[in-house]
Full PDB file with SEQRES, HELIX, SHEET, SSBOND, CRYST1, ORIGX, SCALE, CONECT and MASTER records, all heavy atoms in Angstrom:
SEQRES   1 A   36  LEU HIS ALA THR ARG CYS ASP ALA ALA SER ASP VAL GLY          
SEQRES   2 A   36  CYS MET ALA GLN GLY GLU ARG CYS ALA THR HIS HIS LEU          
SEQRES   3 A   36  TRP ALA ALA LEU GLY ASP GLU ILE GLU HIS                      
HELIX    1 AA1 HIS A   24  GLU A   35  1                                  12    
CRYST1    1.000    1.000    1.000  90.00  90.00  90.00 P 1           1          
ORIGX1      1.000000  0.000000  0.000000        0.00000                         
ORIGX2      0.000000  1.000000  0.000000        0.00000                         
ORIGX3      0.000000  0.000000  1.000000        0.00000                         
SCALE1      1.000000  0.000000  0.000000        0.00000                         
SCALE2      0.000000  1.000000  0.000000        0.00000                         
SCALE3      0.000000  0.000000  1.000000        0.00000                         
ATOM      1  N   LEU A   1     -69.339   4.988 -17.024  1.00  0.00           N  
ATOM      2  CA  LEU A   1     -68.992   4.108 -15.910  1.00  0.00           C  
ATOM      3  C   LEU A   1     -68.923   4.897 -14.613  1.00  0.00           C  
ATOM      4  O   LEU A   1     -68.076   4.664 -13.780  1.00  0.00           O  
ATOM      5  CB  LEU A   1     -67.644   3.429 -16.170  1.00  0.00           C  
ATOM      6  CG  LEU A   1     -67.653   2.378 -17.252  1.00  0.00           C  
ATOM      7  CD1 LEU A   1     -66.250   1.905 -17.538  1.00  0.00           C  
ATOM      8  CD2 LEU A   1     -68.531   1.217 -16.844  1.00  0.00           C  
ATOM      9  N   HIS A   2     -69.802   5.861 -14.479  1.00  0.00           N  
ATOM     10  CA  HIS A   2     -69.793   6.697 -13.282  1.00  0.00           C  
ATOM     11  C   HIS A   2     -70.380   5.935 -12.107  1.00  0.00           C  
ATOM     12  O   HIS A   2     -71.447   5.363 -12.203  1.00  0.00           O  
ATOM     13  CB  HIS A   2     -70.599   7.979 -13.500  1.00  0.00           C  
ATOM     14  CG  HIS A   2     -70.116   8.777 -14.661  1.00  0.00           C  
ATOM     15  ND1 HIS A   2     -68.886   9.379 -14.695  1.00  0.00           N  
ATOM     16  CD2 HIS A   2     -70.701   9.054 -15.842  1.00  0.00           C  
ATOM     17  CE1 HIS A   2     -68.735   9.995 -15.843  1.00  0.00           C  
ATOM     18  NE2 HIS A   2     -69.813   9.807 -16.562  1.00  0.00           N  
ATOM     19  N   ALA A   3     -69.650   5.949 -11.017  1.00  0.00           N  
ATOM     20  CA  ALA A   3     -70.138   5.288  -9.810  1.00  0.00           C  
ATOM     21  C   ALA A   3     -70.855   6.271  -8.895  1.00  0.00           C  
ATOM     22  O   ALA A   3     -71.499   5.869  -7.939  1.00  0.00           O  
ATOM     23  CB  ALA A   3     -68.970   4.629  -9.077  1.00  0.00           C  
ATOM     24  N   THR A   4     -70.734   7.568  -9.194  1.00  0.00           N  
ATOM     25  CA  THR A   4     -71.384   8.580  -8.368  1.00  0.00           C  
ATOM     26  C   THR A   4     -72.760   8.904  -8.934  1.00  0.00           C  
ATOM     27  O   THR A   4     -73.035   8.659 -10.101  1.00  0.00           O  
ATOM     28  CB  THR A   4     -70.546   9.877  -8.326  1.00  0.00           C  
ATOM     29  OG1 THR A   4     -70.404  10.379  -9.650  1.00  0.00           O  
ATOM     30  CG2 THR A   4     -69.185   9.624  -7.710  1.00  0.00           C  
ATOM     31  N   ARG A   5     -73.602   9.488  -8.096  1.00  0.00           N  
ATOM     32  CA  ARG A   5     -74.926   9.912  -8.562  1.00  0.00           C  
ATOM     33  C   ARG A   5     -74.841  11.198  -9.365  1.00  0.00           C  
ATOM     34  O   ARG A   5     -75.659  11.450 -10.232  1.00  0.00           O  
ATOM     35  CB  ARG A   5     -75.866  10.167  -7.377  1.00  0.00           C  
ATOM     36  CG  ARG A   5     -76.330   8.939  -6.685  1.00  0.00           C  
ATOM     37  CD  ARG A   5     -77.452   9.245  -5.720  1.00  0.00           C  
ATOM     38  NE  ARG A   5     -77.141  10.324  -4.782  1.00  0.00           N  
ATOM     39  CZ  ARG A   5     -77.948  10.710  -3.806  1.00  0.00           C  
ATOM     40  NH1 ARG A   5     -79.096  10.115  -3.638  1.00  0.00           N  
ATOM     41  NH2 ARG A   5     -77.605  11.679  -3.000  1.00  0.00           N  
ATOM     42  N   CYS A   6     -73.849  12.039  -9.049  1.00  0.00           N  
ATOM     43  CA  CYS A   6     -73.791  13.350  -9.693  1.00  0.00           C  
ATOM     44  C   CYS A   6     -72.926  13.298 -10.957  1.00  0.00           C  
ATOM     45  O   CYS A   6     -72.157  12.370 -11.160  1.00  0.00           O  
ATOM     46  CB  CYS A   6     -73.266  14.404  -8.721  1.00  0.00           C  
ATOM     47  SG  CYS A   6     -71.725  13.980  -7.915  1.00  0.00           S  
ATOM     48  N   ASP A   7     -73.069  14.305 -11.763  1.00  0.00           N  
ATOM     49  CA  ASP A   7     -72.320  14.434 -12.995  1.00  0.00           C  
ATOM     50  C   ASP A   7     -70.870  14.760 -12.660  1.00  0.00           C  
ATOM     51  O   ASP A   7     -70.577  15.778 -12.034  1.00  0.00           O  
ATOM     52  CB  ASP A   7     -72.950  15.533 -13.858  1.00  0.00           C  
ATOM     53  CG  ASP A   7     -72.244  15.719 -15.180  1.00  0.00           C  
ATOM     54  OD1 ASP A   7     -71.305  14.960 -15.487  1.00  0.00           O  
ATOM     55  OD2 ASP A   7     -72.647  16.637 -15.927  1.00  0.00           O  
ATOM     56  N   ALA A   8     -69.946  13.905 -13.103  1.00  0.00           N  
ATOM     57  CA  ALA A   8     -68.531  14.097 -12.787  1.00  0.00           C  
ATOM     58  C   ALA A   8     -67.971  15.379 -13.394  1.00  0.00           C  
ATOM     59  O   ALA A   8     -67.034  15.961 -12.856  1.00  0.00           O  
ATOM     60  CB  ALA A   8     -67.728  12.899 -13.265  1.00  0.00           C  
ATOM     61  N   ALA A   9     -68.543  15.845 -14.487  1.00  0.00           N  
ATOM     62  CA  ALA A   9     -68.034  17.043 -15.159  1.00  0.00           C  
ATOM     63  C   ALA A   9     -68.557  18.332 -14.520  1.00  0.00           C  
ATOM     64  O   ALA A   9     -68.103  19.416 -14.859  1.00  0.00           O  
ATOM     65  CB  ALA A   9     -68.412  16.994 -16.631  1.00  0.00           C  
ATOM     66  N   SER A  10     -69.490  18.218 -13.618  1.00  0.00           N  
ATOM     67  CA  SER A  10     -70.103  19.390 -12.998  1.00  0.00           C  
ATOM     68  C   SER A  10     -69.552  19.637 -11.596  1.00  0.00           C  
ATOM     69  O   SER A  10     -69.150  18.706 -10.902  1.00  0.00           O  
ATOM     70  CB  SER A  10     -71.624  19.179 -12.917  1.00  0.00           C  
ATOM     71  OG  SER A  10     -72.225  20.220 -12.201  1.00  0.00           O  
ATOM     72  N   ASP A  11     -69.556  20.893 -11.199  1.00  0.00           N  
ATOM     73  CA  ASP A  11     -69.163  21.236  -9.830  1.00  0.00           C  
ATOM     74  C   ASP A  11     -70.330  21.072  -8.862  1.00  0.00           C  
ATOM     75  O   ASP A  11     -70.153  21.147  -7.654  1.00  0.00           O  
ATOM     76  CB  ASP A  11     -68.662  22.685  -9.764  1.00  0.00           C  
ATOM     77  CG  ASP A  11     -67.326  22.858 -10.466  1.00  0.00           C  
ATOM     78  OD1 ASP A  11     -66.568  21.873 -10.539  1.00  0.00           O  
ATOM     79  OD2 ASP A  11     -67.050  23.980 -10.930  1.00  0.00           O  
ATOM     80  N   VAL A  12     -71.517  20.853  -9.394  1.00  0.00           N  
ATOM     81  CA  VAL A  12     -72.715  20.712  -8.573  1.00  0.00           C  
ATOM     82  C   VAL A  12     -72.847  19.261  -8.151  1.00  0.00           C  
ATOM     83  O   VAL A  12     -72.747  18.348  -8.964  1.00  0.00           O  
ATOM     84  CB  VAL A  12     -73.972  21.164  -9.358  1.00  0.00           C  
ATOM     85  CG1 VAL A  12     -75.220  20.964  -8.528  1.00  0.00           C  
ATOM     86  CG2 VAL A  12     -73.817  22.600  -9.803  1.00  0.00           C  
ATOM     87  N   GLY A  13     -73.065  19.049  -6.874  1.00  0.00           N  
ATOM     88  CA  GLY A  13     -73.218  17.707  -6.341  1.00  0.00           C  
ATOM     89  C   GLY A  13     -74.630  17.179  -6.484  1.00  0.00           C  
ATOM     90  O   GLY A  13     -75.522  17.846  -7.010  1.00  0.00           O  
ATOM     91  N   CYS A  14     -74.854  16.007  -5.954  1.00  0.00           N  
ATOM     92  CA  CYS A  14     -76.134  15.326  -6.099  1.00  0.00           C  
ATOM     93  C   CYS A  14     -77.132  15.651  -4.987  1.00  0.00           C  
ATOM     94  O   CYS A  14     -78.281  15.243  -5.044  1.00  0.00           O  
ATOM     95  CB  CYS A  14     -75.900  13.820  -6.167  1.00  0.00           C  
ATOM     96  SG  CYS A  14     -75.082  13.140  -4.704  1.00  0.00           S  
ATOM     97  N   MET A  15     -76.708  16.372  -3.985  1.00  0.00           N  
ATOM     98  CA  MET A  15     -77.598  16.699  -2.868  1.00  0.00           C  
ATOM     99  C   MET A  15     -78.504  17.873  -3.243  1.00  0.00           C  
ATOM    100  O   MET A  15     -78.204  18.640  -4.166  1.00  0.00           O  
ATOM    101  CB  MET A  15     -76.773  17.034  -1.619  1.00  0.00           C  
ATOM    102  CG  MET A  15     -75.804  15.924  -1.203  1.00  0.00           C  
ATOM    103  SD  MET A  15     -76.610  14.383  -0.769  1.00  0.00           S  
ATOM    104  CE  MET A  15     -77.302  14.838   0.799  1.00  0.00           C  
ATOM    105  N   ALA A  16     -79.598  18.032  -2.509  1.00  0.00           N  
ATOM    106  CA  ALA A  16     -80.608  19.052  -2.807  1.00  0.00           C  
ATOM    107  C   ALA A  16     -80.015  20.463  -2.871  1.00  0.00           C  
ATOM    108  O   ALA A  16     -80.426  21.275  -3.694  1.00  0.00           O  
ATOM    109  CB  ALA A  16     -81.735  19.001  -1.785  1.00  0.00           C  
ATOM    110  N   GLN A  17     -79.041  20.765  -2.034  1.00  0.00           N  
ATOM    111  CA  GLN A  17     -78.429  22.091  -2.017  1.00  0.00           C  
ATOM    112  C   GLN A  17     -77.242  22.195  -2.983  1.00  0.00           C  
ATOM    113  O   GLN A  17     -76.522  23.180  -2.973  1.00  0.00           O  
ATOM    114  CB  GLN A  17     -77.961  22.438  -0.597  1.00  0.00           C  
ATOM    115  CG  GLN A  17     -79.068  22.465   0.436  1.00  0.00           C  
ATOM    116  CD  GLN A  17     -80.092  23.565   0.140  1.00  0.00           C  
ATOM    117  OE1 GLN A  17     -79.740  24.652  -0.299  1.00  0.00           O  
ATOM    118  NE2 GLN A  17     -81.358  23.249   0.370  1.00  0.00           N  
ATOM    119  N   GLY A  18     -77.033  21.167  -3.802  1.00  0.00           N  
ATOM    120  CA  GLY A  18     -75.944  21.185  -4.764  1.00  0.00           C  
ATOM    121  C   GLY A  18     -74.615  20.731  -4.202  1.00  0.00           C  
ATOM    122  O   GLY A  18     -73.586  20.822  -4.879  1.00  0.00           O  
ATOM    123  N   GLU A  19     -74.616  20.228  -2.973  1.00  0.00           N  
ATOM    124  CA  GLU A  19     -73.387  19.745  -2.359  1.00  0.00           C  
ATOM    125  C   GLU A  19     -73.136  18.293  -2.759  1.00  0.00           C  
ATOM    126  O   GLU A  19     -74.050  17.592  -3.182  1.00  0.00           O  
ATOM    127  CB  GLU A  19     -73.480  19.843  -0.837  1.00  0.00           C  
ATOM    128  CG  GLU A  19     -73.597  21.266  -0.328  1.00  0.00           C  
ATOM    129  CD  GLU A  19     -73.807  21.319   1.181  1.00  0.00           C  
ATOM    130  OE1 GLU A  19     -73.831  20.252   1.826  1.00  0.00           O  
ATOM    131  OE2 GLU A  19     -73.951  22.423   1.696  1.00  0.00           O  
ATOM    132  N   ARG A  20     -71.929  17.870  -2.579  1.00  0.00           N  
ATOM    133  CA  ARG A  20     -71.575  16.469  -2.831  1.00  0.00           C  
ATOM    134  C   ARG A  20     -71.995  15.649  -1.607  1.00  0.00           C  
ATOM    135  O   ARG A  20     -71.898  16.107  -0.476  1.00  0.00           O  
ATOM    136  CB  ARG A  20     -70.075  16.327  -3.045  1.00  0.00           C  
ATOM    137  CG  ARG A  20     -69.565  17.173  -4.207  1.00  0.00           C  
ATOM    138  CD  ARG A  20     -68.977  16.274  -5.248  1.00  0.00           C  
ATOM    139  NE  ARG A  20     -68.328  17.058  -6.294  1.00  0.00           N  
ATOM    140  CZ  ARG A  20     -68.725  17.042  -7.551  1.00  0.00           C  
ATOM    141  NH1 ARG A  20     -69.744  16.308  -7.909  1.00  0.00           N  
ATOM    142  NH2 ARG A  20     -68.094  17.743  -8.458  1.00  0.00           N  
ATOM    143  N   CYS A  21     -72.444  14.424  -1.837  1.00  0.00           N  
ATOM    144  CA  CYS A  21     -72.846  13.561  -0.729  1.00  0.00           C  
ATOM    145  C   CYS A  21     -71.614  13.117   0.056  1.00  0.00           C  
ATOM    146  O   CYS A  21     -70.480  13.231  -0.413  1.00  0.00           O  
ATOM    147  CB  CYS A  21     -73.625  12.351  -1.247  1.00  0.00           C  
ATOM    148  SG  CYS A  21     -72.661  11.238  -2.291  1.00  0.00           S  
ATOM    149  N   ALA A  22     -71.833  12.572   1.229  1.00  0.00           N  
ATOM    150  CA  ALA A  22     -70.745  12.186   2.127  1.00  0.00           C  
ATOM    151  C   ALA A  22     -69.866  11.089   1.533  1.00  0.00           C  
ATOM    152  O   ALA A  22     -68.694  10.976   1.883  1.00  0.00           O  
ATOM    153  CB  ALA A  22     -71.313  11.722   3.467  1.00  0.00           C  
ATOM    154  N   THR A  23     -70.402  10.298   0.628  1.00  0.00           N  
ATOM    155  CA  THR A  23     -69.636   9.182   0.060  1.00  0.00           C  
ATOM    156  C   THR A  23     -69.151   9.462  -1.363  1.00  0.00           C  
ATOM    157  O   THR A  23     -68.644   8.567  -2.031  1.00  0.00           O  
ATOM    158  CB  THR A  23     -70.490   7.900   0.066  1.00  0.00           C  
ATOM    159  OG1 THR A  23     -71.692   8.143  -0.667  1.00  0.00           O  
ATOM    160  CG2 THR A  23     -70.807   7.459   1.489  1.00  0.00           C  
ATOM    161  N   HIS A  24     -69.275  10.703  -1.816  1.00  0.00           N  
ATOM    162  CA  HIS A  24     -68.896  11.038  -3.189  1.00  0.00           C  
ATOM    163  C   HIS A  24     -67.471  10.607  -3.518  1.00  0.00           C  
ATOM    164  O   HIS A  24     -67.218   9.993  -4.553  1.00  0.00           O  
ATOM    165  CB  HIS A  24     -69.049  12.544  -3.442  1.00  0.00           C  
ATOM    166  CG  HIS A  24     -68.544  12.955  -4.785  1.00  0.00           C  
ATOM    167  ND1 HIS A  24     -69.308  12.841  -5.913  1.00  0.00           N  
ATOM    168  CD2 HIS A  24     -67.336  13.430  -5.177  1.00  0.00           C  
ATOM    169  CE1 HIS A  24     -68.599  13.238  -6.958  1.00  0.00           C  
ATOM    170  NE2 HIS A  24     -67.395  13.604  -6.533  1.00  0.00           N  
ATOM    171  N   HIS A  25     -66.532  10.919  -2.652  1.00  0.00           N  
ATOM    172  CA  HIS A  25     -65.128  10.612  -2.926  1.00  0.00           C  
ATOM    173  C   HIS A  25     -64.885   9.101  -2.983  1.00  0.00           C  
ATOM    174  O   HIS A  25     -64.037   8.639  -3.750  1.00  0.00           O  
ATOM    175  CB  HIS A  25     -64.212  11.294  -1.914  1.00  0.00           C  
ATOM    176  CG  HIS A  25     -64.313  12.786  -1.993  1.00  0.00           C  
ATOM    177  ND1 HIS A  25     -63.907  13.502  -3.103  1.00  0.00           N  
ATOM    178  CD2 HIS A  25     -64.804  13.701  -1.133  1.00  0.00           C  
ATOM    179  CE1 HIS A  25     -64.133  14.786  -2.911  1.00  0.00           C  
ATOM    180  NE2 HIS A  25     -64.680  14.931  -1.713  1.00  0.00           N  
ATOM    181  N   LEU A  26     -65.623   8.338  -2.196  1.00  0.00           N  
ATOM    182  CA  LEU A  26     -65.522   6.880  -2.245  1.00  0.00           C  
ATOM    183  C   LEU A  26     -65.909   6.375  -3.626  1.00  0.00           C  
ATOM    184  O   LEU A  26     -65.187   5.616  -4.269  1.00  0.00           O  
ATOM    185  CB  LEU A  26     -66.416   6.249  -1.175  1.00  0.00           C  
ATOM    186  CG  LEU A  26     -66.617   4.727  -1.296  1.00  0.00           C  
ATOM    187  CD1 LEU A  26     -65.319   3.996  -0.977  1.00  0.00           C  
ATOM    188  CD2 LEU A  26     -67.747   4.292  -0.383  1.00  0.00           C  
ATOM    189  N   TRP A  27     -67.089   6.812  -4.104  1.00  0.00           N  
ATOM    190  CA  TRP A  27     -67.585   6.332  -5.400  1.00  0.00           C  
ATOM    191  C   TRP A  27     -66.761   6.877  -6.561  1.00  0.00           C  
ATOM    192  O   TRP A  27     -66.548   6.187  -7.560  1.00  0.00           O  
ATOM    193  CB  TRP A  27     -69.065   6.676  -5.561  1.00  0.00           C  
ATOM    194  CG  TRP A  27     -69.894   6.132  -4.436  1.00  0.00           C  
ATOM    195  CD1 TRP A  27     -70.745   6.825  -3.637  1.00  0.00           C  
ATOM    196  CD2 TRP A  27     -69.920   4.785  -3.945  1.00  0.00           C  
ATOM    197  NE1 TRP A  27     -71.296   5.999  -2.693  1.00  0.00           N  
ATOM    198  CE2 TRP A  27     -70.812   4.742  -2.863  1.00  0.00           C  
ATOM    199  CE3 TRP A  27     -69.274   3.613  -4.312  1.00  0.00           C  
ATOM    200  CZ2 TRP A  27     -71.073   3.579  -2.152  1.00  0.00           C  
ATOM    201  CZ3 TRP A  27     -69.528   2.444  -3.594  1.00  0.00           C  
ATOM    202  CH2 TRP A  27     -70.429   2.447  -2.537  1.00  0.00           C  
ATOM    203  N   ALA A  28     -66.252   8.088  -6.434  1.00  0.00           N  
ATOM    204  CA  ALA A  28     -65.382   8.642  -7.474  1.00  0.00           C  
ATOM    205  C   ALA A  28     -64.086   7.826  -7.560  1.00  0.00           C  
ATOM    206  O   ALA A  28     -63.596   7.537  -8.660  1.00  0.00           O  
ATOM    207  CB  ALA A  28     -65.081  10.107  -7.188  1.00  0.00           C  
ATOM    208  N   ALA A  29     -63.540   7.430  -6.413  1.00  0.00           N  
ATOM    209  CA  ALA A  29     -62.327   6.608  -6.405  1.00  0.00           C  
ATOM    210  C   ALA A  29     -62.599   5.239  -7.022  1.00  0.00           C  
ATOM    211  O   ALA A  29     -61.758   4.701  -7.756  1.00  0.00           O  
ATOM    212  CB  ALA A  29     -61.790   6.462  -4.978  1.00  0.00           C  
ATOM    213  N   LEU A  30     -63.769   4.671  -6.740  1.00  0.00           N  
ATOM    214  CA  LEU A  30     -64.136   3.388  -7.343  1.00  0.00           C  
ATOM    215  C   LEU A  30     -64.200   3.533  -8.864  1.00  0.00           C  
ATOM    216  O   LEU A  30     -63.687   2.685  -9.598  1.00  0.00           O  
ATOM    217  CB  LEU A  30     -65.479   2.891  -6.807  1.00  0.00           C  
ATOM    218  CG  LEU A  30     -66.031   1.625  -7.483  1.00  0.00           C  
ATOM    219  CD1 LEU A  30     -65.081   0.443  -7.287  1.00  0.00           C  
ATOM    220  CD2 LEU A  30     -67.414   1.315  -6.948  1.00  0.00           C  
ATOM    221  N   GLY A  31     -64.815   4.587  -9.344  1.00  0.00           N  
ATOM    222  CA  GLY A  31     -64.878   4.836 -10.789  1.00  0.00           C  
ATOM    223  C   GLY A  31     -63.495   4.953 -11.402  1.00  0.00           C  
ATOM    224  O   GLY A  31     -63.236   4.424 -12.491  1.00  0.00           O  
ATOM    225  N   ASP A  32     -62.577   5.619 -10.688  1.00  0.00           N  
ATOM    226  CA  ASP A  32     -61.197   5.736 -11.166  1.00  0.00           C  
ATOM    227  C   ASP A  32     -60.526   4.361 -11.253  1.00  0.00           C  
ATOM    228  O   ASP A  32     -59.798   4.075 -12.203  1.00  0.00           O  
ATOM    229  CB  ASP A  32     -60.383   6.646 -10.254  1.00  0.00           C  
ATOM    230  CG  ASP A  32     -60.807   8.105 -10.342  1.00  0.00           C  
ATOM    231  OD1 ASP A  32     -61.526   8.486 -11.294  1.00  0.00           O  
ATOM    232  OD2 ASP A  32     -60.419   8.877  -9.427  1.00  0.00           O  
ATOM    233  N   GLU A  33     -60.768   3.517 -10.251  1.00  0.00           N  
ATOM    234  CA  GLU A  33     -60.200   2.165 -10.258  1.00  0.00           C  
ATOM    235  C   GLU A  33     -60.731   1.350 -11.436  1.00  0.00           C  
ATOM    236  O   GLU A  33     -59.981   0.624 -12.083  1.00  0.00           O  
ATOM    237  CB  GLU A  33     -60.508   1.434  -8.947  1.00  0.00           C  
ATOM    238  CG  GLU A  33     -59.702   1.912  -7.770  1.00  0.00           C  
ATOM    239  CD  GLU A  33     -58.243   1.495  -7.849  1.00  0.00           C  
ATOM    240  OE1 GLU A  33     -57.946   0.383  -8.316  1.00  0.00           O  
ATOM    241  OE2 GLU A  33     -57.394   2.298  -7.443  1.00  0.00           O  
ATOM    242  N   ILE A  34     -62.022   1.477 -11.703  1.00  0.00           N  
ATOM    243  CA  ILE A  34     -62.616   0.744 -12.821  1.00  0.00           C  
ATOM    244  C   ILE A  34     -62.005   1.211 -14.135  1.00  0.00           C  
ATOM    245  O   ILE A  34     -61.608   0.390 -14.978  1.00  0.00           O  
ATOM    246  CB  ILE A  34     -64.150   0.909 -12.831  1.00  0.00           C  
ATOM    247  CG1 ILE A  34     -64.764   0.205 -11.625  1.00  0.00           C  
ATOM    248  CG2 ILE A  34     -64.748   0.377 -14.131  1.00  0.00           C  
ATOM    249  CD1 ILE A  34     -66.229   0.526 -11.400  1.00  0.00           C  
ATOM    250  N   GLU A  35     -61.907   2.526 -14.322  1.00  0.00           N  
ATOM    251  CA  GLU A  35     -61.303   3.054 -15.543  1.00  0.00           C  
ATOM    252  C   GLU A  35     -59.864   2.588 -15.688  1.00  0.00           C  
ATOM    253  O   GLU A  35     -59.440   2.200 -16.775  1.00  0.00           O  
ATOM    254  CB  GLU A  35     -61.363   4.579 -15.549  1.00  0.00           C  
ATOM    255  CG  GLU A  35     -62.722   5.127 -15.900  1.00  0.00           C  
ATOM    256  CD  GLU A  35     -62.706   6.637 -16.041  1.00  0.00           C  
ATOM    257  OE1 GLU A  35     -61.659   7.191 -16.464  1.00  0.00           O  
ATOM    258  OE2 GLU A  35     -63.728   7.261 -15.737  1.00  0.00           O  
ATOM    259  N   HIS A  36     -59.098   2.630 -14.611  1.00  0.00           N  
ATOM    260  CA  HIS A  36     -57.703   2.185 -14.645  1.00  0.00           C  
ATOM    261  C   HIS A  36     -57.626   0.701 -15.009  1.00  0.00           C  
ATOM    262  O   HIS A  36     -56.817   0.294 -15.850  1.00  0.00           O  
ATOM    263  CB  HIS A  36     -57.029   2.455 -13.303  1.00  0.00           C  
ATOM    264  CG  HIS A  36     -55.623   1.975 -13.240  1.00  0.00           C  
ATOM    265  ND1 HIS A  36     -54.592   2.616 -13.885  1.00  0.00           N  
ATOM    266  CD2 HIS A  36     -55.072   0.903 -12.635  1.00  0.00           C  
ATOM    267  CE1 HIS A  36     -53.463   1.954 -13.680  1.00  0.00           C  
ATOM    268  NE2 HIS A  36     -53.730   0.917 -12.912  1.00  0.00           N  
TER     269      HIS A  36                                                      
MASTER        0    0    0    1    0    0    0    6  268    1    0    3          
END                                                                             
């Protein structure tokens, strides 16, 4: 039920340089709400 593009278990983000996208925290929070 991941709302982010990147793997939640990884420290590597979904961007080309391995960074997290600007909206990562938004989608991660949405995923947390769904799980809750």
